[in-house]
Amino acid sequence: MPVGPPRPVPFRFDPVGTPAVHEADEKPPGGQRIRCPRCAWEPAREDVWMCTCLHVWNTFDTHGVCPGCGRRWLETKCPRCKRWSPHDDWYEEEG
């Protein structure tokens, strides 16, 4: 049975091992709120993820594109609920 290449896994760099839960204190321009579509966790500006190239950055600063290698992440894993969601689903228009 053929097996495809391993699925890249971005993750939040957290030296303590426990994801912090922050209330959103900054919102992106354009009236969008960023939060996990599964558990409603809202990342803070200092929350970061790591690409397979080992570059660490806030994935929402670049809409899921790694500045280190240019890879576009179509899904993002929530550090709180540990589930994957399409990256675009994290952006919610405020009504």
Protein backbone atom coordinates (compact mmCIF):
# COMPACT_ATOMS: atom_id res chain seq x y z
CA MET A 1 0.00 0.00 0.00
CA PRO A 2 1.61 3.34 -1.04
CA VAL A 3 2.15 5.85 1.71
CA GLY A 4 2.35 9.56 0.95
CA PRO A 5 4.85 11.98 2.46
CA PRO A 6 4.39 12.76 6.14
CA ARG A 7 1.93 15.53 6.90
CA PRO A 8 3.76 18.65 8.13
CA VAL A 9 2.83 19.62 11.66
CA PRO A 10 3.03 23.23 12.85
CA PHE A 11 2.85 23.55 16.58
CA ARG A 12 2.92 26.19 19.21
CA PHE A 13 6.32 26.67 20.80
CA ASP A 14 5.65 26.28 24.48
CA PRO A 15 8.67 25.47 26.66
CA VAL A 16 6.46 24.90 29.70
CA GLY A 17 4.19 22.43 27.91
CA THR A 18 0.85 23.97 28.84
CA PRO A 19 -0.97 26.23 26.40
CA ALA A 20 -1.96 29.55 27.85
CA VAL A 21 -5.49 30.74 27.27
CA HIS A 22 -5.63 34.44 26.49
CA GLU A 23 -8.48 36.79 25.98
CA ALA A 24 -7.91 38.60 22.72
CA ASP A 25 -6.53 42.03 23.50
CA GLU A 26 -5.63 42.93 19.93
CA LYS A 27 -7.73 42.34 16.87
CA PRO A 28 -6.45 42.32 13.30
CA PRO A 29 -7.41 45.18 11.00
CA GLY A 30 -10.57 44.87 8.98
CA GLY A 31 -12.88 43.82 11.80
CA GLN A 32 -11.74 40.21 11.93
CA ARG A 33 -11.44 38.14 15.07
CA ILE A 34 -9.08 35.16 15.11
CA ARG A 35 -10.11 32.12 17.09
CA CYS A 36 -10.20 28.35 16.90
CA PRO A 37 -13.38 27.30 15.09
CA ARG A 38 -13.61 24.20 17.30
CA CYS A 39 -13.08 25.52 20.86
CA ALA A 40 -13.10 29.36 20.42
CA TRP A 41 -9.57 29.80 21.87
CA GLU A 42 -8.12 33.15 20.76
CA PRO A 43 -4.36 33.34 20.14
CA ALA A 44 -2.42 36.26 21.59
CA ARG A 45 0.16 38.21 19.61
CA GLU A 46 3.00 36.31 21.35
CA ASP A 47 1.65 32.82 20.52
CA VAL A 48 3.80 31.09 17.91
CA TRP A 49 3.82 27.94 15.77
CA MET A 50 6.76 26.08 14.21
CA CYS A 51 7.10 25.02 10.58
CA THR A 52 8.85 21.85 9.39
CA CYS A 53 11.75 24.14 8.37
CA LEU A 54 12.02 25.02 12.11
CA HIS A 55 11.06 28.66 11.63
CA VAL A 56 8.97 29.94 14.58
CA TRP A 57 6.39 32.70 14.05
CA ASN A 58 2.79 33.70 14.66
CA THR A 59 1.00 31.96 11.79
CA PHE A 60 -1.76 34.60 11.81
CA ASP A 61 0.73 37.39 11.05
CA THR A 62 1.23 35.87 7.58
CA HIS A 63 -2.13 34.14 7.01
CA GLY A 64 -0.52 30.71 7.36
CA VAL A 65 2.54 31.27 5.15
CA CYS A 66 5.91 30.44 6.72
CA PRO A 67 8.32 33.38 6.31
CA GLY A 68 11.25 30.95 6.55
CA CYS A 69 10.47 28.67 3.59
CA GLY A 70 7.25 29.99 2.01
CA ARG A 71 5.13 26.91 2.81
CA ARG A 72 1.42 27.75 3.00
CA TRP A 73 -0.34 25.92 5.79
CA LEU A 74 -3.90 25.04 4.81
CA GLU A 75 -4.68 23.78 8.33
CA THR A 76 -3.69 25.04 11.77
CA LYS A 77 -3.60 23.02 14.99
CA CYS A 78 -5.06 24.63 18.09
CA PRO A 79 -2.74 24.41 21.11
CA ARG A 80 -5.73 24.35 23.44
CA CYS A 81 -7.98 21.61 22.00
CA LYS A 82 -5.21 19.95 19.91
CA ARG A 83 -7.47 19.67 16.85
CA TRP A 84 -6.78 20.71 13.27
CA SER A 85 -8.98 23.19 11.40
CA PRO A 86 -8.67 24.86 8.00
CA HIS A 87 -6.57 27.99 8.51
CA ASP A 88 -9.15 30.20 6.83
CA ASP A 89 -11.82 29.05 9.31
CA TRP A 90 -9.91 30.76 12.16
CA TYR A 91 -10.82 34.21 10.74
CA GLU A 92 -14.23 35.39 11.79
CA GLU A 93 -15.87 38.62 10.69
CA GLU A 94 -17.19 40.67 13.57
CA GLY A 95 -20.80 41.61 13.18
